[in-house]
Protein backbone atom coordinates (compact mmCIF):
# COMPACT_ATOMS: atom_id res chain seq x y z
CA MET A 1 -4.91 -22.81 14.39
CA ASP A 2 -1.83 -22.42 12.18
CA ILE A 3 -2.54 -25.71 10.38
CA VAL A 4 -6.18 -24.72 9.88
CA LEU A 5 -5.27 -21.31 8.44
CA GLY A 6 -2.63 -22.81 6.18
CA SER A 7 -5.03 -25.50 4.97
CA ILE A 8 -7.69 -22.91 4.16
CA ALA A 9 -5.15 -20.86 2.20
CA ALA A 10 -4.04 -24.00 0.34
CA LEU A 11 -7.63 -24.96 -0.58
CA ILE A 12 -8.35 -21.44 -1.82
CA GLY A 13 -5.12 -21.55 -3.79
CA VAL A 14 -6.01 -24.85 -5.47
CA GLY A 15 -9.42 -23.50 -6.50
CA PHE A 16 -7.90 -20.21 -7.67
CA THR A 17 -5.21 -22.02 -9.68
CA LEU A 18 -7.80 -24.18 -11.44
CA GLU A 19 -9.93 -21.11 -12.24
CA LEU A 20 -6.92 -19.30 -13.69
CA LEU A 21 -5.83 -22.39 -15.62
CA LEU A 22 -9.22 -22.70 -17.31
CA LYS A 23 -9.24 -18.96 -17.99
CA SER A 24 -5.75 -19.11 -19.53
CA PHE A 25 -6.81 -21.94 -21.86
CA ARG A 26 -9.75 -19.86 -23.08
CA SER A 27 -8.16 -16.43 -23.31
CA LYS A 28 -4.46 -17.27 -23.83
CA LYS A 29 -3.65 -13.82 -22.43
CA PRO A 30 -0.03 -13.63 -21.19
CA TYR A 31 -0.91 -11.88 -17.93
CA ILE A 32 -3.44 -14.61 -17.06
CA ILE A 33 -0.89 -17.33 -17.85
CA SER A 34 1.73 -15.58 -15.69
CA TRP A 35 -0.70 -15.19 -12.81
CA THR A 36 -1.61 -18.87 -13.15
CA VAL A 37 2.05 -19.80 -12.70
CA ALA A 38 2.46 -17.36 -9.80
CA VAL A 39 -0.65 -18.54 -7.94
CA PHE A 40 0.35 -22.17 -8.53
CA MET A 41 3.73 -21.42 -6.92
CA TYR A 42 2.03 -19.63 -4.02
CA THR A 43 -0.28 -22.61 -3.52
CA VAL A 44 2.49 -25.21 -3.66
CA ALA A 45 4.51 -23.20 -1.13
CA THR A 46 1.47 -23.06 1.17
CA ILE A 47 0.90 -26.82 0.89
CA ALA A 48 4.58 -27.42 1.70
CA LEU A 49 4.23 -25.15 4.74
CA VAL A 50 1.24 -27.13 6.00
CA SER A 51 3.19 -30.35 5.42
CA GLY A 52 6.07 -29.03 7.51
CA LEU A 53 3.75 -27.99 10.32
CA ILE A 54 1.98 -31.36 10.39
CA ASN A 55 4.80 -33.82 9.68
CA GLY A 56 7.87 -31.84 10.70
CA TRP A 57 10.36 -30.16 8.43
CA ASN A 58 12.67 -32.02 6.09
CA TYR A 59 14.80 -31.40 3.01
CA ILE A 60 11.90 -31.94 0.60
CA ASN A 61 9.06 -29.90 2.11
CA PHE A 62 11.29 -27.02 3.15
CA GLY A 63 13.06 -27.00 -0.22
CA ILE A 64 9.69 -26.77 -1.98
CA PHE A 65 8.46 -24.10 0.45
CA TYR A 66 11.61 -22.00 0.05
CA PHE A 67 11.90 -22.42 -3.73
CA PHE A 68 8.29 -21.58 -4.59
CA GLY A 69 7.52 -19.23 -1.71
CA GLY A 70 10.86 -17.56 -1.06
CA ILE A 71 12.59 -17.38 -4.44
CA THR A 72 10.42 -17.63 -7.55
CA ASN A 73 6.98 -16.40 -6.50
CA VAL A 74 7.26 -12.61 -6.27
CA PRO A 75 8.96 -12.16 -9.68
CA ALA A 76 6.20 -14.24 -11.30
CA PHE A 77 3.54 -11.85 -9.99
CA GLY A 78 5.64 -8.95 -11.24
CA ILE A 79 5.74 -10.42 -14.75
CA GLY A 80 1.97 -10.91 -14.73
CA SER A 81 1.40 -7.30 -13.76
CA ALA A 82 3.89 -6.17 -16.42
CA TYR A 83 1.98 -8.05 -19.12
CA LEU A 84 -1.15 -6.25 -18.01
CA ILE A 85 0.14 -2.77 -18.88
CA PHE A 86 3.27 -3.03 -21.06
CA ASP A 87 4.01 -4.26 -24.59
CA ASN A 88 4.00 -8.06 -24.56
CA ASN A 89 7.05 -8.41 -26.80
CA LYS A 90 9.17 -6.43 -24.36
CA VAL A 91 7.90 -8.37 -21.37
CA ASN A 92 8.64 -11.63 -23.22
CA VAL A 93 12.34 -10.81 -22.91
CA ILE A 94 11.97 -10.47 -19.14
CA THR A 95 10.05 -13.74 -19.05
CA GLY A 96 12.93 -15.48 -20.82
CA LEU A 97 15.37 -14.14 -18.23
CA TYR A 98 13.01 -15.25 -15.48
CA VAL A 99 13.00 -18.82 -16.82
CA LEU A 100 16.81 -18.83 -16.68
CA PHE A 101 16.60 -17.46 -13.14
CA VAL A 102 14.23 -20.26 -12.10
CA LEU A 103 16.55 -22.89 -13.55
CA GLY A 104 19.53 -21.38 -11.73
CA ALA A 105 17.64 -21.27 -8.44
CA MET A 106 16.52 -24.87 -8.89
CA PHE A 107 20.10 -25.98 -9.49
CA SER A 108 21.18 -24.11 -6.36
CA ILE A 109 18.53 -25.86 -4.25
CA PHE A 110 19.50 -29.29 -5.56
CA THR A 111 23.23 -28.74 -4.98
CA SER A 112 23.05 -26.98 -1.61
CA GLY A 113 23.28 -30.18 0.41
CA ILE A 114 20.86 -31.51 3.01
CA PRO A 115 20.30 -29.00 5.85
CA ASP A 116 20.15 -30.03 9.50
CA PHE A 117 16.61 -29.64 10.84
CA SER A 118 17.25 -31.20 14.25
CA ASN A 119 17.36 -27.91 16.18
CA ILE A 120 14.69 -26.05 14.22
CA GLN A 121 11.70 -24.67 16.12
CA GLY A 122 8.62 -23.41 14.28
CA ILE A 123 8.98 -22.39 10.64
CA PRO A 124 12.64 -22.44 9.51
CA GLU A 125 14.31 -19.41 7.99
CA GLY A 126 16.59 -19.69 5.00
CA SER A 127 19.38 -18.08 7.02
CA GLN A 128 19.28 -21.03 9.43
CA LEU A 129 19.76 -23.65 6.74
CA TYR A 130 21.37 -22.23 3.61
CA GLU A 131 24.60 -20.39 2.87
CA ILE A 132 24.38 -16.85 1.54
CA SER A 133 26.12 -17.99 -1.65
CA GLY A 134 23.46 -20.67 -2.26
CA PRO A 135 19.65 -20.50 -2.34
CA ARG A 136 19.61 -17.40 -0.12
CA MET A 137 21.38 -15.41 -2.85
CA TRP A 138 18.68 -16.42 -5.33
CA ALA A 139 15.99 -15.46 -2.81
CA ILE A 140 17.56 -12.03 -2.34
CA LEU A 141 17.80 -11.48 -6.10
CA GLY A 142 14.30 -12.73 -6.84
CA ASN A 143 12.59 -10.80 -4.08
CA SER A 144 14.59 -7.63 -4.71
CA PHE A 145 13.91 -7.43 -8.44
CA GLY A 146 10.38 -8.78 -8.04
CA SER A 147 9.50 -6.31 -5.30
CA ILE A 148 10.97 -3.35 -7.18
CA SER A 149 9.04 -4.40 -10.28
CA LEU A 150 5.74 -4.81 -8.45
CA VAL A 151 6.00 -1.50 -6.63
CA GLY A 152 7.17 0.27 -9.79
CA ILE A 153 4.33 -1.17 -11.87
CA ALA A 154 1.76 -0.25 -9.22
CA ALA A 155 3.11 3.30 -9.01
CA TYR A 156 3.14 3.61 -12.80
CA SER A 157 -0.44 2.32 -12.94
CA VAL A 158 -1.58 4.90 -10.39
CA TYR A 159 0.20 7.68 -12.28
CA LYS A 160 -0.92 6.79 -15.81
CA PHE A 161 -4.26 5.03 -15.46
CA ARG A 162 -5.85 6.47 -12.31
CA ARG A 163 -8.35 8.52 -14.34
CA VAL A 164 -8.92 6.18 -17.29
CA ASP A 165 -8.82 2.65 -15.82
CA GLU A 166 -9.39 2.51 -12.08
CA ASP A 167 -9.84 -1.27 -12.18
CA LEU A 168 -6.34 -1.76 -13.60
CA VAL A 169 -4.89 0.43 -10.85
CA THR A 170 -6.84 -1.41 -8.16
CA THR A 171 -5.77 -4.78 -9.57
CA ASN A 172 -2.06 -3.97 -9.48
CA VAL A 173 -2.23 -2.46 -6.00
CA LEU A 174 -4.05 -5.53 -4.64
CA ILE A 175 -1.54 -7.86 -6.31
CA VAL A 176 1.34 -5.92 -4.73
CA VAL A 177 -0.16 -5.99 -1.24
CA GLY A 178 -1.16 -9.64 -1.58
CA SER A 179 2.28 -10.69 -2.81
CA PHE A 180 3.99 -8.83 0.01
CA SER A 181 1.64 -10.05 2.72
CA PRO A 182 3.70 -13.15 3.68
CA ALA A 183 6.85 -11.02 3.86
CA LEU A 184 5.09 -8.62 6.25
CA SER A 185 4.00 -11.33 8.67
CA GLY A 186 6.30 -9.89 11.32
CA VAL A 187 3.57 -7.43 12.26
CA LEU A 188 1.52 -10.43 13.39
CA LEU A 189 4.10 -11.80 15.81
CA ALA A 190 1.65 -11.47 18.67
CA LEU A 191 -0.20 -14.44 17.17
CA GLY A 192 2.86 -16.67 17.29
CA ASP A 193 5.44 -17.47 14.63
CA SER A 194 3.60 -20.07 12.55
CA ALA A 195 0.19 -18.48 13.02
CA SER A 196 1.48 -15.14 11.74
CA LYS A 197 2.93 -16.80 8.64
CA THR A 198 -0.14 -18.89 7.83
CA LEU A 199 -2.52 -15.99 8.43
CA SER A 200 -0.43 -13.76 6.17
CA LEU A 201 -0.53 -16.43 3.45
CA LEU A 202 -4.32 -16.59 3.75
CA VAL A 203 -4.68 -12.80 3.63
CA GLY A 204 -2.27 -12.64 0.69
CA MET A 205 -4.22 -15.27 -1.25
CA PHE A 206 -7.48 -13.41 -0.63
CA LEU A 207 -6.05 -10.06 -1.81
CA ILE A 208 -4.52 -11.59 -4.94
CA TYR A 209 -7.81 -13.28 -5.78
CA LEU A 210 -9.65 -10.01 -5.20
CA GLY A 211 -7.22 -8.26 -7.55
CA TYR A 212 -7.84 -10.88 -10.22
CA ARG A 213 -11.62 -10.53 -9.90
CA VAL A 214 -11.34 -6.75 -10.26
CA SER A 215 -9.30 -7.22 -13.45
CA GLN A 216 -12.08 -9.37 -14.92
CA ARG A 217 -14.89 -6.89 -14.39
CA PRO A 218 -16.54 -5.86 -17.68
CA LYS A 219 -15.58 -2.43 -18.93
CA ILE A 220 -18.39 0.10 -18.93
């Protein structure tokens, strides 16, 4: 079941990424481009997860899963939501810092050494394989700032736009919940470790896609 759920999430992610990519070519809107990058990362992380479940975990598939799913993904969604409601020139500065962050995290992954997967059961955790001073530090930084940004942007949207642009508010709230869904998979432990993670990825992908569709509704 876990492989099936993960595969469905990956297929949806591929289709969603292609749709966003075509949309970004046509519109060239910064928030669409940022969401394209974020959904691509989400999809790659999901594919890496399915690879680990099918073939067993190794340095490559877990590194890809952790880098795209555990470090760089949440901040990318935050930047996309920021472009949706704030001045683009100001958000461009944050985007530049994010690029430096991604490069630093990538260097950390490449120089962290090859973890030992011999005693790993189920889906590995970063704490089992990486030192706190390595990729885990980048994951903490990325998820902390990304989460604060997403929640802050959603709250700001509700406060400022709840009466003038309900679609924008709905979009940002759905993006927040969808982005956080994999992190909240602990509530699904009754389904088993891997099943809870893959189901949360599928739910997250659906909510993010729903948020995107709401953002594209024509204004009346």
